[in-house]
Amino acid sequence: MSRFHYKAKVSPAEIKEGAVNADNKMAAIQKISGMGYYLLSIEEEKKIHERKASDINVFKEKLSLKDVTNFTRQLSDLLDSGVSVVRSLDVLNKQVINKKLKSIIGDIKDQCIDGSPLSESLARHPKIFSDLYVSMVKSGEVGGALESILNRLADFYEKQLEIQTKVKAALAYPVLMAIVGCMTIIVLLTFVIPKMVSMFADLGQNLPLPTLILMAVNGFIQRFWWIIIACISVISFAIMRVYRSSEGRFAIDNFKLKIPIAGDVIKKVEIARFARTFATLLANGVPMMTALQGVGDTVNNAVIKGEIEKVRKSVREGGNLAGTFSKSPIIPPMVTDMVAVGEESGSVERALFKVAESYERESDAAVKVLMSLLEPLMILALGIVVGFIVISMLLPIFELNFLVR
């Protein structure tokens, strides 16, 4: 039996909205007509929810990690205060400014009002709430500790947000420096050099080799700038296409791990995320096989994700966790040793939390080292380019001054 929402006239001046249960649309119409109402519109509830979901999916962009973290923390706080799920969602829906998040919360609230569990309502938005998120909420519903699970989820996402913020803050200065340097070079090549070239051409002066090289490069850029842009676009598109394939992504991610210093940073960040996610799932009663599956979905690097999948298959075939980790060339021995100690003491999740904290500290230190090396290298590279341009422009002036004397 389905549920149908209708709008009908009760009297010439009164319009009523309501819902009836019926086997099909025709039966619902007959039931409404039997009430003495004049039907204006009717729609099945299921189709209403599908339409709302499609309206939400018009927005292709994902919510930021900060939005999901704030939503989780606020929902956890409301539930911990004794507020019901539906009432909590209603409060959040009224407070949220982000239109996309407001639409999603409204849809989740409607689903919960209709009797769906919170986990099923969240699962309708897989681009926003991951399988890991939904699995943990479901375990909280089953165990009667939803507010506790959401609190742990909020802690987890806040830690991820903290790492993301640190990386962005570390990259802000080098990116700004690169933008300013590129703009300086573009201004010199576009406005300054052409005027210098015309001046030297009028004087008929023989130009030094660096100036001739600079003029040739500038002339090439001015005549064939569209070819340069086209080549960059084609190469970028080709890399994106390759990265979308499983083989191409594996090759590119494998190359990333082999980059000096940067590869070490990527590896430590991924291992920290893996360990914290795995520990969080196990601590909330999620079975190990399910937890390993959920962990794989949170790892970004295809090589490390492949190793986790190998671990999952080995454990499914009867292998122990530490023994399986020891066979992986990617997972460091320190992780293996900590997990082995955790298995012996019966507290694997506690050992994994320790691993996560250790690698988060190491990744922070590695990011600082990388940035301390990147900044002087960028300054050196920009200095060489700008210095070559300035010297190439000044040499003819010095020669002209020498001839005048």
Protein backbone atom coordinates (compact mmCIF):
# COMPACT_ATOMS: atom_id res chain seq x y z
CA MET A 1 0.00 0.00 0.00
CA SER A 2 1.32 3.44 -0.98
CA ARG A 3 0.84 6.88 0.53
CA PHE A 4 -0.49 9.74 -1.61
CA HIS A 5 -0.33 13.46 -0.84
CA TYR A 6 -3.18 15.56 -2.17
CA LYS A 7 -4.48 19.12 -2.39
CA ALA A 8 -8.27 19.53 -2.59
CA LYS A 9 -11.05 22.08 -2.15
CA VAL A 10 -13.27 21.51 0.86
CA SER A 11 -15.40 24.56 0.07
CA PRO A 12 -15.13 27.42 -2.43
CA ALA A 13 -12.98 29.37 0.03
CA GLU A 14 -11.07 26.55 1.78
CA ILE A 15 -8.24 24.38 0.38
CA LYS A 16 -7.04 21.32 2.32
CA GLU A 17 -3.74 19.44 2.03
CA GLY A 18 -3.37 15.92 3.37
CA ALA A 19 -2.37 12.33 2.71
CA VAL A 20 -4.18 9.02 2.28
CA ASN A 21 -3.07 5.41 2.06
CA ALA A 22 -4.26 3.44 -0.98
CA ASP A 23 -3.22 0.54 -3.22
CA ASN A 24 -2.85 2.79 -6.28
CA LYS A 25 -3.46 6.31 -7.52
CA MET A 26 -7.01 5.60 -8.77
CA ALA A 27 -8.01 4.14 -5.41
CA ALA A 28 -6.61 7.23 -3.68
CA ILE A 29 -8.63 9.52 -5.97
CA GLN A 30 -11.82 7.56 -5.21
CA LYS A 31 -11.11 7.74 -1.49
CA ILE A 32 -10.63 11.54 -1.62
CA SER A 33 -13.75 11.99 -3.75
CA GLY A 34 -15.69 9.88 -1.21
CA MET A 35 -14.78 12.48 1.44
CA GLY A 36 -16.67 15.09 -0.57
CA TYR A 37 -13.52 16.98 -1.57
CA TYR A 38 -12.83 18.46 -5.02
CA LEU A 39 -9.36 17.15 -5.93
CA LEU A 40 -6.84 19.68 -7.26
CA SER A 41 -3.62 17.61 -7.31
CA ILE A 42 -2.31 14.26 -6.09
CA GLU A 43 1.13 12.68 -6.07
CA GLU A 44 2.62 9.52 -4.63
CA GLU A 45 4.92 10.12 -1.68
CA LYS A 46 7.70 8.01 -3.18
CA LYS A 47 7.77 10.18 -6.29
CA ILE A 48 7.86 13.33 -4.18
CA HIS A 49 11.01 12.10 -2.42
CA GLU A 50 12.59 11.07 -5.74
CA ARG A 51 11.88 14.54 -7.15
CA LYS A 52 13.41 16.20 -4.09
CA ALA A 53 16.50 14.02 -4.37
CA SER A 54 16.85 14.88 -8.06
CA ASP A 55 16.48 18.58 -7.25
CA ILE A 56 19.27 18.28 -4.73
CA ASN A 57 21.49 16.40 -7.18
CA VAL A 58 21.27 19.30 -9.64
CA PHE A 59 24.10 20.77 -7.60
CA LYS A 60 27.09 18.71 -8.67
CA GLU A 61 29.56 20.15 -6.23
CA LYS A 62 30.18 18.35 -2.96
CA LEU A 63 29.79 19.92 0.43
CA SER A 64 33.03 20.93 2.06
CA LEU A 65 34.49 18.81 4.84
CA LYS A 66 33.87 21.74 7.19
CA ASP A 67 30.11 21.70 6.43
CA VAL A 68 29.83 17.95 7.09
CA THR A 69 31.90 18.28 10.28
CA ASN A 70 29.78 21.13 11.64
CA PHE A 71 26.55 19.28 10.81
CA THR A 72 27.77 16.13 12.59
CA ARG A 73 28.95 18.02 15.69
CA GLN A 74 25.72 20.03 15.99
CA LEU A 75 23.51 16.96 15.48
CA SER A 76 25.53 15.09 18.11
CA ASP A 77 25.16 17.94 20.61
CA LEU A 78 21.40 18.17 20.07
CA LEU A 79 20.86 14.42 20.46
CA ASP A 80 23.07 14.38 23.55
CA SER A 81 20.79 17.06 25.04
CA GLY A 82 17.80 14.72 24.71
CA VAL A 83 16.30 16.27 21.55
CA SER A 84 14.72 13.77 19.13
CA VAL A 85 16.29 13.09 15.71
CA VAL A 86 13.48 14.77 13.75
CA ARG A 87 13.42 17.82 16.04
CA SER A 88 17.24 18.08 15.86
CA LEU A 89 17.17 18.00 12.06
CA ASP A 90 14.41 20.63 12.07
CA VAL A 91 16.51 22.92 14.28
CA LEU A 92 19.59 22.47 12.07
CA ASN A 93 17.53 23.05 8.92
CA LYS A 94 16.40 26.43 10.26
CA GLN A 95 19.90 27.46 11.34
CA VAL A 96 21.89 26.43 8.25
CA ILE A 97 22.73 29.16 5.72
CA ASN A 98 24.21 26.92 3.00
CA LYS A 99 21.32 26.28 0.58
CA LYS A 100 22.59 22.87 -0.56
CA LEU A 101 23.06 21.64 3.01
CA LYS A 102 19.63 23.05 3.94
CA SER A 103 18.02 21.06 1.09
CA ILE A 104 19.82 17.88 2.14
CA ILE A 105 18.87 18.25 5.82
CA GLY A 106 15.27 18.92 4.77
CA ASP A 107 15.20 15.73 2.70
CA ILE A 108 16.74 13.69 5.54
CA LYS A 109 14.16 15.13 7.97
CA ASP A 110 11.28 14.22 5.61
CA GLN A 111 12.58 10.67 5.35
CA CYS A 112 12.84 10.34 9.13
CA ILE A 113 9.30 11.70 9.55
CA ASP A 114 8.10 8.99 7.17
CA GLY A 115 9.68 6.35 9.41
CA SER A 116 13.07 5.75 7.74
CA PRO A 117 16.06 5.32 10.06
CA LEU A 118 18.61 8.13 10.05
CA SER A 119 21.24 5.87 8.44
CA GLU A 120 18.97 5.09 5.47
CA SER A 121 18.13 8.77 5.06
CA LEU A 122 21.82 9.67 5.03
CA ALA A 123 22.56 6.88 2.53
CA ARG A 124 20.35 8.71 -0.01
CA HIS A 125 23.20 11.24 -0.34
CA PRO A 126 26.33 9.12 -1.01
CA LYS A 127 28.32 12.09 -2.34
CA ILE A 128 27.96 13.83 1.01
CA PHE A 129 27.88 10.98 3.54
CA SER A 130 30.34 8.17 2.84
CA ASP A 131 29.74 4.46 3.43
CA LEU A 132 31.92 4.85 6.52
CA TYR A 133 29.64 7.58 7.87
CA VAL A 134 26.44 5.62 7.16
CA SER A 135 27.86 2.38 8.62
CA MET A 136 28.81 4.06 11.89
CA VAL A 137 25.42 5.77 12.21
CA LYS A 138 23.72 2.43 11.57
CA SER A 139 25.81 0.74 14.26
CA GLY A 140 24.84 3.55 16.65
CA GLU A 141 21.15 3.03 15.90
CA VAL A 142 21.43 -0.72 16.48
CA GLY A 143 23.40 -0.29 19.71
CA GLY A 144 21.26 2.55 21.03
CA ALA A 145 24.21 4.95 21.21
CA LEU A 146 23.59 7.23 18.24
CA GLU A 147 24.68 10.43 19.99
CA SER A 148 27.94 8.77 21.11
CA ILE A 149 28.67 7.52 17.59
CA LEU A 150 27.97 10.96 16.10
CA ASN A 151 30.25 12.50 18.69
CA ARG A 152 33.07 10.15 17.64
CA LEU A 153 32.33 10.85 13.98
CA ALA A 154 32.55 14.58 14.69
CA ASP A 155 35.91 14.06 16.45
CA PHE A 156 37.12 12.03 13.48
CA TYR A 157 36.08 14.63 10.89
CA GLU A 158 37.47 17.48 12.98
CA LYS A 159 40.83 15.72 12.97
CA GLN A 160 40.65 15.31 9.19
CA LEU A 161 39.71 18.98 8.87
CA GLU A 162 42.65 19.98 11.07
CA ILE A 163 45.08 18.08 8.83
CA GLN A 164 43.51 19.58 5.69
CA THR A 165 43.73 23.09 7.15
CA LYS A 166 47.41 22.65 8.08
CA VAL A 167 48.29 21.51 4.55
CA LYS A 168 46.40 24.44 2.99
CA ALA A 169 48.06 26.91 5.36
CA ALA A 170 51.49 25.47 4.55
CA LEU A 171 50.85 25.77 0.79
CA ALA A 172 49.39 29.29 0.95
CA TYR A 173 52.72 31.17 0.93
CA PRO A 174 54.40 29.14 -1.87
CA VAL A 175 51.27 29.42 -4.04
CA LEU A 176 51.08 33.19 -3.48
CA MET A 177 54.77 33.50 -4.28
CA ALA A 178 54.34 31.52 -7.50
CA ILE A 179 51.37 33.67 -8.60
CA VAL A 180 53.22 36.95 -7.93
CA GLY A 181 56.35 35.65 -9.68
CA CYS A 182 54.41 34.53 -12.76
CA MET A 183 52.57 37.87 -12.93
CA THR A 184 55.90 39.72 -12.73
CA ILE A 185 57.34 37.67 -15.58
CA ILE A 186 54.20 38.19 -17.70
CA VAL A 187 54.32 41.99 -17.15
CA LEU A 188 58.02 42.10 -18.13
CA LEU A 189 57.50 39.98 -21.24
CA THR A 190 54.30 41.73 -22.34
CA PHE A 191 54.95 45.44 -21.65
CA VAL A 192 58.59 46.17 -20.81
CA ILE A 193 60.56 44.01 -23.24
CA PRO A 194 58.69 45.05 -26.45
CA LYS A 195 59.48 48.73 -25.70
CA MET A 196 63.14 47.89 -25.07
CA VAL A 197 63.32 45.90 -28.31
CA SER A 198 61.89 48.76 -30.38
CA MET A 199 64.34 51.21 -28.76
CA PHE A 200 67.36 49.01 -29.52
CA ALA A 201 66.13 48.44 -33.08
CA ASP A 202 65.94 52.23 -33.67
CA LEU A 203 69.51 52.65 -32.41
CA GLY A 204 70.81 49.83 -34.64
CA GLN A 205 72.92 48.50 -31.79
CA ASN A 206 74.38 44.99 -31.81
CA LEU A 207 72.72 43.14 -28.93
CA PRO A 208 74.43 40.69 -26.54
CA LEU A 209 73.53 36.99 -26.65
CA PRO A 210 71.31 36.95 -23.50
CA THR A 211 69.23 39.81 -24.94
CA LEU A 212 68.89 38.01 -28.29
CA ILE A 213 67.73 34.84 -26.50
CA LEU A 214 65.20 36.83 -24.47
CA MET A 215 63.89 38.57 -27.58
CA ALA A 216 63.54 35.23 -29.38
CA VAL A 217 61.61 33.73 -26.46
CA ASN A 218 59.41 36.81 -26.20
CA GLY A 219 58.73 36.78 -29.94
CA PHE A 220 57.83 33.10 -29.87
CA ILE A 221 55.40 33.63 -26.97
CA GLN A 222 53.75 36.60 -28.66
CA ARG A 223 53.29 34.78 -31.99
CA PHE A 224 52.42 31.29 -30.72
CA TRP A 225 50.81 31.90 -27.31
CA TRP A 226 47.68 30.09 -28.48
CA ILE A 227 49.74 26.99 -29.33
CA ILE A 228 51.28 27.04 -25.85
CA ILE A 229 47.85 27.30 -24.22
CA ALA A 230 46.49 24.54 -26.48
CA CYS A 231 49.40 22.22 -25.61
CA ILE A 232 48.96 22.83 -21.87
CA SER A 233 45.21 22.16 -22.19
CA VAL A 234 45.76 18.94 -24.18
CA ILE A 235 48.38 17.67 -21.71
CA SER A 236 46.12 18.51 -18.73
CA PHE A 237 43.16 16.77 -20.37
CA ALA A 238 45.29 13.71 -21.18
CA ILE A 239 46.53 13.47 -17.59
CA MET A 240 42.93 13.73 -16.31
CA ARG A 241 41.78 11.00 -18.69
CA VAL A 242 44.66 8.73 -17.66
CA TYR A 243 43.97 9.40 -13.96
CA ARG A 244 40.34 8.35 -14.38
CA SER A 245 41.39 4.87 -15.50
CA SER A 246 42.39 2.40 -12.77
CA GLU A 247 45.77 1.60 -14.39
CA GLY A 248 46.60 5.26 -15.01
CA ARG A 249 45.64 6.32 -11.50
CA PHE A 250 47.72 3.52 -10.02
CA ALA A 251 50.77 4.58 -12.08
CA ILE A 252 50.38 8.29 -11.18
CA ASP A 253 49.81 7.56 -7.47
CA ASN A 254 52.78 5.21 -7.47
CA PHE A 255 54.91 7.99 -8.99
CA LYS A 256 53.69 10.38 -6.28
CA LEU A 257 54.93 8.04 -3.55
CA LYS A 258 58.40 7.96 -5.17
CA ILE A 259 58.84 11.74 -5.22
CA PRO A 260 61.56 12.68 -2.68
CA ILE A 261 60.17 14.13 0.57
CA ALA A 262 56.71 14.79 -0.97
CA GLY A 263 56.13 11.05 -1.41
CA ASP A 264 56.99 10.49 2.24
CA VAL A 265 54.48 13.17 3.28
CA ILE A 266 51.71 11.61 1.17
CA LYS A 267 52.44 8.16 2.61
CA LYS A 268 52.38 9.36 6.23
CA VAL A 269 49.14 11.32 5.75
CA GLU A 270 47.42 8.31 4.14
CA ILE A 271 48.62 5.89 6.83
CA ALA A 272 47.46 8.28 9.57
CA ARG A 273 44.02 8.52 7.91
CA PHE A 274 43.86 4.73 7.46
CA ALA A 275 44.81 4.00 11.07
CA ARG A 276 42.41 6.54 12.59
CA THR A 277 39.49 5.46 10.39
CA PHE A 278 40.12 1.76 11.04
CA ALA A 279 40.44 2.34 14.79
CA THR A 280 37.27 4.43 14.89
CA LEU A 281 35.26 1.72 13.13
CA LEU A 282 36.58 -1.09 15.33
CA ALA A 283 36.00 0.97 18.49
CA ASN A 284 32.33 1.34 17.50
CA GLY A 285 31.75 -2.38 17.07
CA VAL A 286 32.00 -2.58 13.28
CA PRO A 287 33.23 -6.07 12.19
CA MET A 288 36.81 -6.16 10.95
CA MET A 289 35.96 -7.14 7.36
CA THR A 290 33.36 -4.39 7.11
CA ALA A 291 35.81 -1.93 8.69
CA LEU A 292 38.54 -2.81 6.18
CA GLN A 293 36.07 -2.25 3.36
CA GLY A 294 35.10 1.14 4.81
CA VAL A 295 38.74 2.13 5.34
CA GLY A 296 39.55 1.44 1.69
CA ASP A 297 36.92 3.96 0.61
CA THR A 298 38.55 6.76 2.63
CA VAL A 299 42.09 6.31 1.26
CA ASN A 300 42.91 8.54 -1.73
CA ASN A 301 46.11 6.91 -2.98
CA ALA A 302 45.37 3.96 -5.31
CA VAL A 303 48.58 2.09 -4.37
CA ILE A 304 47.83 2.18 -0.64
CA LYS A 305 44.18 1.37 -1.34
CA GLY A 306 45.33 -1.71 -3.29
CA GLU A 307 47.45 -2.84 -0.34
CA ILE A 308 44.46 -2.47 2.00
CA GLU A 309 42.39 -4.60 -0.36
CA LYS A 310 45.11 -7.29 -0.25
CA VAL A 311 45.01 -7.13 3.56
CA ARG A 312 41.23 -7.54 3.51
CA LYS A 313 41.43 -10.60 1.25
CA SER A 314 44.16 -12.17 3.39
CA VAL A 315 42.18 -11.62 6.62
CA ARG A 316 39.06 -13.05 4.97
CA GLU A 317 41.07 -16.19 4.14
CA GLY A 318 42.09 -16.61 7.77
CA GLY A 319 45.28 -14.57 8.12
CA ASN A 320 45.91 -12.37 11.13
CA LEU A 321 46.14 -8.60 10.73
CA ALA A 322 49.77 -8.09 11.81
CA GLY A 323 51.03 -10.99 9.68
CA THR A 324 49.25 -9.60 6.65
CA PHE A 325 50.63 -6.10 7.25
CA SER A 326 54.16 -7.49 7.46
CA LYS A 327 53.90 -8.77 3.87
CA SER A 328 53.07 -5.33 2.49
CA PRO A 329 55.93 -3.21 1.10
CA ILE A 330 53.91 -0.03 1.73
CA ILE A 331 52.89 -0.47 5.38
CA PRO A 332 55.85 0.44 7.66
CA PRO A 333 57.18 -2.08 10.23
CA MET A 334 56.18 0.27 13.07
CA VAL A 335 52.52 -0.15 12.13
CA THR A 336 52.92 -3.92 11.96
CA ASP A 337 54.59 -4.06 15.37
CA MET A 338 51.93 -1.89 17.01
CA VAL A 339 49.09 -3.95 15.52
CA ALA A 340 50.81 -7.19 16.64
CA VAL A 341 50.98 -5.85 20.21
CA GLY A 342 47.32 -4.79 19.95
CA GLU A 343 46.26 -8.27 18.79
CA GLU A 344 48.11 -9.91 21.67
CA SER A 345 46.55 -7.57 24.23
CA GLY A 346 43.10 -7.66 22.62
CA SER A 347 42.99 -3.91 21.91
CA VAL A 348 43.76 -3.46 18.22
CA GLU A 349 41.78 -0.22 18.01
CA ARG A 350 43.83 1.33 20.81
CA ALA A 351 47.06 0.41 19.02
CA LEU A 352 45.73 1.89 15.79
CA PHE A 353 44.82 5.14 17.54
CA LYS A 354 48.44 5.32 18.76
CA VAL A 355 49.66 4.71 15.21
CA ALA A 356 47.35 7.46 13.92
CA GLU A 357 48.60 9.98 16.52
CA SER A 358 52.23 9.10 15.78
CA TYR A 359 51.90 9.43 12.02
CA GLU A 360 49.85 12.62 12.30
CA ARG A 361 52.74 14.16 14.27
CA GLU A 362 55.24 12.85 11.72
CA SER A 363 53.18 14.11 8.78
CA ASP A 364 52.99 17.58 10.38
CA ALA A 365 56.76 17.61 10.78
CA ALA A 366 57.26 16.30 7.22
CA VAL A 367 54.99 19.02 5.78
CA LYS A 368 57.03 21.68 7.60
CA VAL A 369 60.28 20.23 6.20
CA LEU A 370 58.78 20.12 2.70
CA MET A 371 57.63 23.73 2.92
CA SER A 372 60.99 24.86 4.33
CA LEU A 373 62.64 23.35 1.24
CA LEU A 374 59.99 24.42 -1.25
CA GLU A 375 60.06 28.12 -0.38
CA PRO A 376 63.81 28.71 -1.02
CA LEU A 377 63.66 26.56 -4.17
CA MET A 378 60.79 28.66 -5.53
CA ILE A 379 62.61 31.87 -4.63
CA LEU A 380 65.73 30.55 -6.38
CA ALA A 381 63.83 29.51 -9.51
CA LEU A 382 61.91 32.81 -9.76
CA GLY A 383 65.11 34.73 -9.00
CA ILE A 384 66.95 33.00 -11.85
CA VAL A 385 64.16 33.71 -14.37
CA VAL A 386 63.57 37.33 -13.32
CA GLY A 387 67.31 37.92 -12.95
CA PHE A 388 67.96 36.63 -16.48
CA ILE A 389 65.25 38.94 -17.85
CA VAL A 390 66.59 41.99 -16.00
CA ILE A 391 70.22 41.30 -16.96
CA SER A 392 69.22 40.75 -20.60
CA MET A 393 67.49 44.14 -20.57
CA LEU A 394 70.33 45.98 -18.80
CA LEU A 395 73.30 44.63 -20.78
CA PRO A 396 72.53 46.63 -23.96
CA ILE A 397 72.06 49.78 -21.85
CA PHE A 398 75.44 49.27 -20.20
CA GLU A 399 77.06 48.70 -23.60
CA LEU A 400 75.42 51.82 -25.01
CA ASN A 401 76.61 53.86 -22.03
CA PHE A 402 80.15 52.50 -22.53
CA LEU A 403 80.13 53.51 -26.24
CA VAL A 404 78.89 57.03 -25.40
CA ARG A 405 81.77 57.49 -23.00
